[in-house]
Amino acid sequence: MNTSKVVTRRKPPQTPAEFHALGASLDRELSVVRPFARKRGFVVKARTWKDLAEWESRRDVAERRLPSK
């Protein structure tokens, strides 16, 4: 028996519940592929460009340090 397979595009989610269900399933797939925790984002509000540059340099130094074990 030689049947053909029909491949189409997936329908986009229509309701918020469908969006959340799709997001949850994608998160589960991602946790299998990449088991380590991802960094959470945040916003830094600097008053001046100089303040921002200082904050970024402190962050870079802190991220380069290896945890002592």
PDB file of N, CA and C in Angstrom:
ATOM      1  N   MET A   1       0.850  -1.177   0.000  1.00  0.00           N
ATOM      2  CA  MET A   1       0.000   0.000   0.000  1.00  0.00           C
ATOM      3  C   MET A   1       0.894   1.239   0.000  1.00  0.00           C
ATOM      4  N   ASN A   2       0.699   2.081  -0.961  1.00  0.00           N
ATOM      5  CA  ASN A   2       1.544   3.246  -1.130  1.00  0.00           C
ATOM      6  C   ASN A   2       0.683   4.503  -0.981  1.00  0.00           C
ATOM      7  N   THR A   3       0.498   4.968   0.248  1.00  0.00           N
ATOM      8  CA  THR A   3      -0.320   6.162   0.467  1.00  0.00           C
ATOM      9  C   THR A   3       0.582   7.387   0.557  1.00  0.00           C
ATOM     10  N   SER A   4       0.053   8.497   0.136  1.00  0.00           N
ATOM     11  CA  SER A   4       0.839   9.726   0.187  1.00  0.00           C
ATOM     12  C   SER A   4       0.553  10.479   1.483  1.00  0.00           C
ATOM     13  N   LYS A   5       1.546  11.203   1.937  1.00  0.00           N
ATOM     14  CA  LYS A   5       1.428  11.966   3.167  1.00  0.00           C
ATOM     15  C   LYS A   5       1.209  13.430   2.802  1.00  0.00           C
ATOM     16  N   VAL A   6       0.228  14.058   3.443  1.00  0.00           N
ATOM     17  CA  VAL A   6      -0.068  15.456   3.186  1.00  0.00           C
ATOM     18  C   VAL A   6       0.555  16.284   4.311  1.00  0.00           C
ATOM     19  N   VAL A   7       1.397  17.225   3.936  1.00  0.00           N
ATOM     20  CA  VAL A   7       2.058  18.081   4.912  1.00  0.00           C
ATOM     21  C   VAL A   7       1.540  19.497   4.725  1.00  0.00           C
ATOM     22  N   THR A   8       1.036  20.091   5.801  1.00  0.00           N
ATOM     23  CA  THR A   8       0.531  21.462   5.728  1.00  0.00           C
ATOM     24  C   THR A   8       1.124  22.270   6.863  1.00  0.00           C
ATOM     25  N   ARG A   9       0.847  23.540   6.839  1.00  0.00           N
ATOM     26  CA  ARG A   9       1.316  24.410   7.914  1.00  0.00           C
ATOM     27  C   ARG A   9       0.402  24.259   9.119  1.00  0.00           C
ATOM     28  N   ARG A  10       0.991  24.392  10.305  1.00  0.00           N
ATOM     29  CA  ARG A  10       0.214  24.291  11.527  1.00  0.00           C
ATOM     30  C   ARG A  10      -0.645  25.535  11.688  1.00  0.00           C
ATOM     31  N   LYS A  11      -1.890  25.357  12.143  1.00  0.00           N
ATOM     32  CA  LYS A  11      -2.759  26.505  12.381  1.00  0.00           C
ATOM     33  C   LYS A  11      -2.240  27.291  13.577  1.00  0.00           C
ATOM     34  N   PRO A  12      -2.216  28.607  13.484  1.00  0.00           N
ATOM     35  CA  PRO A  12      -1.771  29.392  14.642  1.00  0.00           C
ATOM     36  C   PRO A  12      -2.810  29.335  15.758  1.00  0.00           C
ATOM     37  N   PRO A  13      -2.371  29.438  17.011  1.00  0.00           N
ATOM     38  CA  PRO A  13      -3.323  29.426  18.121  1.00  0.00           C
ATOM     39  C   PRO A  13      -4.297  30.596  18.018  1.00  0.00           C
ATOM     40  N   GLN A  14      -5.547  30.356  18.389  1.00  0.00           N
ATOM     41  CA  GLN A  14      -6.579  31.375  18.273  1.00  0.00           C
ATOM     42  C   GLN A  14      -6.952  32.009  19.606  1.00  0.00           C
ATOM     43  N   THR A  15      -6.876  31.249  20.680  1.00  0.00           N
ATOM     44  CA  THR A  15      -7.301  31.760  21.984  1.00  0.00           C
ATOM     45  C   THR A  15      -6.094  31.880  22.906  1.00  0.00           C
ATOM     46  N   PRO A  16      -6.207  32.694  23.955  1.00  0.00           N
ATOM     47  CA  PRO A  16      -5.098  32.796  24.913  1.00  0.00           C
ATOM     48  C   PRO A  16      -4.741  31.444  25.539  1.00  0.00           C
ATOM     49  N   ALA A  17      -5.732  30.604  25.788  1.00  0.00           N
ATOM     50  CA  ALA A  17      -5.447  29.294  26.375  1.00  0.00           C
ATOM     51  C   ALA A  17      -4.593  28.448  25.424  1.00  0.00           C
ATOM     52  N   GLU A  18      -4.883  28.542  24.123  1.00  0.00           N
ATOM     53  CA  GLU A  18      -4.090  27.804  23.142  1.00  0.00           C
ATOM     54  C   GLU A  18      -2.658  28.330  23.092  1.00  0.00           C
ATOM     55  N   PHE A  19      -2.487  29.657  23.184  1.00  0.00           N
ATOM     56  CA  PHE A  19      -1.147  30.240  23.203  1.00  0.00           C
ATOM     57  C   PHE A  19      -0.358  29.743  24.408  1.00  0.00           C
ATOM     58  N   HIS A  20      -1.002  29.731  25.583  1.00  0.00           N
ATOM     59  CA  HIS A  20      -0.314  29.284  26.793  1.00  0.00           C
ATOM     60  C   HIS A  20       0.029  27.800  26.714  1.00  0.00           C
ATOM     61  N   ALA A  21      -0.876  26.997  26.177  1.00  0.00           N
ATOM     62  CA  ALA A  21      -0.602  25.566  26.034  1.00  0.00           C
ATOM     63  C   ALA A  21       0.565  25.329  25.078  1.00  0.00           C
ATOM     64  N   LEU A  22       0.602  26.070  23.975  1.00  0.00           N
ATOM     65  CA  LEU A  22       1.701  25.935  23.026  1.00  0.00           C
ATOM     66  C   LEU A  22       3.018  26.370  23.666  1.00  0.00           C
ATOM     67  N   GLY A  23       2.989  27.480  24.394  1.00  0.00           N
ATOM     68  CA  GLY A  23       4.200  27.945  25.078  1.00  0.00           C
ATOM     69  C   GLY A  23       4.699  26.938  26.102  1.00  0.00           C
ATOM     70  N   ALA A  24       3.778  26.333  26.849  1.00  0.00           N
ATOM     71  CA  ALA A  24       4.168  25.341  27.853  1.00  0.00           C
ATOM     72  C   ALA A  24       4.799  24.120  27.190  1.00  0.00           C
ATOM     73  N   SER A  25       4.231  23.685  26.068  1.00  0.00           N
ATOM     74  CA  SER A  25       4.807  22.517  25.392  1.00  0.00           C
ATOM     75  C   SER A  25       6.187  22.853  24.821  1.00  0.00           C
ATOM     76  N   LEU A  26       6.360  24.057  24.293  1.00  0.00           N
ATOM     77  CA  LEU A  26       7.677  24.454  23.781  1.00  0.00           C
ATOM     78  C   LEU A  26       8.692  24.563  24.907  1.00  0.00           C
ATOM     79  N   ASP A  27       8.276  25.053  26.087  1.00  0.00           N
ATOM     80  CA  ASP A  27       9.179  25.108  27.239  1.00  0.00           C
ATOM     81  C   ASP A  27       9.614  23.712  27.667  1.00  0.00           C
ATOM     82  N   ARG A  28       8.681  22.762  27.642  1.00  0.00           N
ATOM     83  CA  ARG A  28       9.031  21.385  28.008  1.00  0.00           C
ATOM     84  C   ARG A  28      10.038  20.807  27.017  1.00  0.00           C
ATOM     85  N   GLU A  29       9.833  21.046  25.728  1.00  0.00           N
ATOM     86  CA  GLU A  29      10.778  20.566  24.726  1.00  0.00           C
ATOM     87  C   GLU A  29      12.150  21.216  24.920  1.00  0.00           C
ATOM     88  N   LEU A  30      12.151  22.492  25.220  1.00  0.00           N
ATOM     89  CA  LEU A  30      13.408  23.206  25.405  1.00  0.00           C
ATOM     90  C   LEU A  30      14.152  22.708  26.633  1.00  0.00           C
ATOM     91  N   SER A  31      13.441  22.359  27.697  1.00  0.00           N
ATOM     92  CA  SER A  31      14.110  21.879  28.904  1.00  0.00           C
ATOM     93  C   SER A  31      14.777  20.529  28.659  1.00  0.00           C
ATOM     94  N   VAL A  32      14.281  19.755  27.704  1.00  0.00           N
ATOM     95  CA  VAL A  32      14.917  18.484  27.363  1.00  0.00           C
ATOM     96  C   VAL A  32      16.198  18.753  26.577  1.00  0.00           C
ATOM     97  N   VAL A  33      16.117  19.680  25.645  1.00  0.00           N
ATOM     98  CA  VAL A  33      17.271  19.991  24.802  1.00  0.00           C
ATOM     99  C   VAL A  33      18.337  20.748  25.588  1.00  0.00           C
ATOM    100  N   ARG A  34      17.907  21.684  26.415  1.00  0.00           N
ATOM    101  CA  ARG A  34      18.835  22.527  27.171  1.00  0.00           C
ATOM    102  C   ARG A  34      18.449  22.441  28.659  1.00  0.00           C
ATOM    103  N   PRO A  35      19.008  21.488  29.392  1.00  0.00           N
ATOM    104  CA  PRO A  35      18.556  21.245  30.759  1.00  0.00           C
ATOM    105  C   PRO A  35      18.991  22.291  31.782  1.00  0.00           C
ATOM    106  N   PHE A  36      19.949  23.173  31.451  1.00  0.00           N
ATOM    107  CA  PHE A  36      20.377  24.160  32.440  1.00  0.00           C
ATOM    108  C   PHE A  36      19.404  25.343  32.475  1.00  0.00           C
ATOM    109  N   ALA A  37      19.366  26.009  33.604  1.00  0.00           N
ATOM    110  CA  ALA A  37      18.440  27.137  33.771  1.00  0.00           C
ATOM    111  C   ALA A  37      18.910  28.322  32.940  1.00  0.00           C
ATOM    112  N   ARG A  38      17.964  29.028  32.365  1.00  0.00           N
ATOM    113  CA  ARG A  38      18.334  30.203  31.579  1.00  0.00           C
ATOM    114  C   ARG A  38      18.326  31.443  32.462  1.00  0.00           C
ATOM    115  N   LYS A  39      19.107  32.418  32.061  1.00  0.00           N
ATOM    116  CA  LYS A  39      19.176  33.659  32.818  1.00  0.00           C
ATOM    117  C   LYS A  39      17.873  34.426  32.673  1.00  0.00           C
ATOM    118  N   ARG A  40      17.481  35.049  33.751  1.00  0.00           N
ATOM    119  CA  ARG A  40      16.286  35.879  33.697  1.00  0.00           C
ATOM    120  C   ARG A  40      16.710  37.295  33.329  1.00  0.00           C
ATOM    121  N   GLY A  41      15.912  37.945  32.529  1.00  0.00           N
ATOM    122  CA  GLY A  41      16.227  39.300  32.101  1.00  0.00           C
ATOM    123  C   GLY A  41      15.760  40.335  33.104  1.00  0.00           C
ATOM    124  N   PHE A  42      16.373  41.490  33.074  1.00  0.00           N
ATOM    125  CA  PHE A  42      15.947  42.595  33.913  1.00  0.00           C
ATOM    126  C   PHE A  42      16.357  43.903  33.250  1.00  0.00           C
ATOM    127  N   VAL A  43      15.844  44.999  33.768  1.00  0.00           N
ATOM    128  CA  VAL A  43      16.100  46.312  33.176  1.00  0.00           C
ATOM    129  C   VAL A  43      16.932  47.134  34.143  1.00  0.00           C
ATOM    130  N   VAL A  44      17.960  47.775  33.614  1.00  0.00           N
ATOM    131  CA  VAL A  44      18.788  48.674  34.414  1.00  0.00           C
ATOM    132  C   VAL A  44      18.542  50.082  33.907  1.00  0.00           C
ATOM    133  N   LYS A  45      18.131  50.961  34.805  1.00  0.00           N
ATOM    134  CA  LYS A  45      17.920  52.355  34.428  1.00  0.00           C
ATOM    135  C   LYS A  45      19.080  53.181  34.964  1.00  0.00           C
ATOM    136  N   ALA A  46      19.916  53.636  34.060  1.00  0.00           N
ATOM    137  CA  ALA A  46      21.064  54.454  34.443  1.00  0.00           C
ATOM    138  C   ALA A  46      20.733  55.917  34.153  1.00  0.00           C
ATOM    139  N   ARG A  47      21.169  56.789  35.050  1.00  0.00           N
ATOM    140  CA  ARG A  47      20.900  58.218  34.848  1.00  0.00           C
ATOM    141  C   ARG A  47      21.749  58.804  33.720  1.00  0.00           C
ATOM    142  N   THR A  48      22.969  58.310  33.582  1.00  0.00           N
ATOM    143  CA  THR A  48      23.859  58.825  32.536  1.00  0.00           C
ATOM    144  C   THR A  48      24.526  57.656  31.813  1.00  0.00           C
ATOM    145  N   TRP A  49      25.151  57.973  30.675  1.00  0.00           N
ATOM    146  CA  TRP A  49      25.882  56.948  29.938  1.00  0.00           C
ATOM    147  C   TRP A  49      27.069  56.455  30.753  1.00  0.00           C
ATOM    148  N   LYS A  50      27.652  57.359  31.536  1.00  0.00           N
ATOM    149  CA  LYS A  50      28.792  56.972  32.369  1.00  0.00           C
ATOM    150  C   LYS A  50      28.349  55.950  33.426  1.00  0.00           C
ATOM    151  N   ASP A  51      27.193  56.190  34.049  1.00  0.00           N
ATOM    152  CA  ASP A  51      26.672  55.241  35.038  1.00  0.00           C
ATOM    153  C   ASP A  51      26.433  53.868  34.393  1.00  0.00           C
ATOM    154  N   LEU A  52      25.893  53.869  33.181  1.00  0.00           N
ATOM    155  CA  LEU A  52      25.646  52.611  32.485  1.00  0.00           C
ATOM    156  C   LEU A  52      26.951  51.889  32.188  1.00  0.00           C
ATOM    157  N   ALA A  53      27.956  52.615  31.733  1.00  0.00           N
ATOM    158  CA  ALA A  53      29.246  51.998  31.430  1.00  0.00           C
ATOM    159  C   ALA A  53      29.874  51.404  32.692  1.00  0.00           C
ATOM    160  N   GLU A  54      29.757  52.105  33.825  1.00  0.00           N
ATOM    161  CA  GLU A  54      30.305  51.584  35.082  1.00  0.00           C
ATOM    162  C   GLU A  54      29.576  50.313  35.494  1.00  0.00           C
ATOM    163  N   TRP A  55      28.246  50.310  35.354  1.00  0.00           N
ATOM    164  CA  TRP A  55      27.472  49.131  35.733  1.00  0.00           C
ATOM    165  C   TRP A  55      27.850  47.942  34.859  1.00  0.00           C
ATOM    166  N   GLU A  56      27.984  48.187  33.544  1.00  0.00           N
ATOM    167  CA  GLU A  56      28.341  47.104  32.636  1.00  0.00           C
ATOM    168  C   GLU A  56      29.723  46.546  32.946  1.00  0.00           C
ATOM    169  N   SER A  57      30.675  47.403  33.299  1.00  0.00           N
ATOM    170  CA  SER A  57      32.015  46.905  33.609  1.00  0.00           C
ATOM    171  C   SER A  57      31.997  46.082  34.899  1.00  0.00           C
ATOM    172  N   ARG A  58      31.209  46.502  35.898  1.00  0.00           N
ATOM    173  CA  ARG A  58      31.099  45.716  37.137  1.00  0.00           C
ATOM    174  C   ARG A  58      30.451  44.365  36.854  1.00  0.00           C
ATOM    175  N   ARG A  59      29.434  44.364  35.988  1.00  0.00           N
ATOM    176  CA  ARG A  59      28.752  43.118  35.642  1.00  0.00           C
ATOM    177  C   ARG A  59      29.697  42.180  34.916  1.00  0.00           C
ATOM    178  N   ASP A  60      30.489  42.706  33.975  1.00  0.00           N
ATOM    179  CA  ASP A  60      31.435  41.876  33.238  1.00  0.00           C
ATOM    180  C   ASP A  60      32.460  41.238  34.167  1.00  0.00           C
ATOM    181  N   VAL A  61      32.947  42.007  35.125  1.00  0.00           N
ATOM    182  CA  VAL A  61      33.923  41.475  36.081  1.00  0.00           C
ATOM    183  C   VAL A  61      33.286  40.377  36.928  1.00  0.00           C
ATOM    184  N   ALA A  62      32.055  40.606  37.378  1.00  0.00           N
ATOM    185  CA  ALA A  62      31.374  39.612  38.211  1.00  0.00           C
ATOM    186  C   ALA A  62      31.083  38.342  37.428  1.00  0.00           C
ATOM    187  N   GLU A  63      30.752  38.441  36.141  1.00  0.00           N
ATOM    188  CA  GLU A  63      30.440  37.254  35.345  1.00  0.00           C
ATOM    189  C   GLU A  63      31.694  36.467  35.001  1.00  0.00           C
ATOM    190  N   ARG A  64      32.850  37.124  34.940  1.00  0.00           N
ATOM    191  CA  ARG A  64      34.089  36.415  34.616  1.00  0.00           C
ATOM    192  C   ARG A  64      34.627  35.623  35.800  1.00  0.00           C
ATOM    193  N   ARG A  65      34.232  36.001  37.004  1.00  0.00           N
ATOM    194  CA  ARG A  65      34.690  35.274  38.192  1.00  0.00           C
ATOM    195  C   ARG A  65      34.117  33.873  38.187  1.00  0.00           C
ATOM    196  N   LEU A  66      34.929  32.910  38.532  1.00  0.00           N
ATOM    197  CA  LEU A  66      34.454  31.546  38.632  1.00  0.00           C
ATOM    198  C   LEU A  66      33.984  31.285  40.053  1.00  0.00           C
ATOM    199  N   PRO A  67      32.901  30.552  40.215  1.00  0.00           N
ATOM    200  CA  PRO A  67      32.445  30.240  41.576  1.00  0.00           C
ATOM    201  C   PRO A  67      33.469  29.372  42.302  1.00  0.00           C
ATOM    202  N   SER A  68      33.761  29.716  43.526  1.00  0.00           N
ATOM    203  CA  SER A  68      34.755  28.958  44.297  1.00  0.00           C
ATOM    204  C   SER A  68      34.088  27.747  44.927  1.00  0.00           C
ATOM    205  N   LYS A  69      34.635  26.572  44.631  1.00  0.00           N
ATOM    206  CA  LYS A  69      34.091  25.323  45.194  1.00  0.00           C
ATOM    207  C   LYS A  69      35.198  24.480  45.749  1.00  0.00           C
TER     208      LYS A  69
END
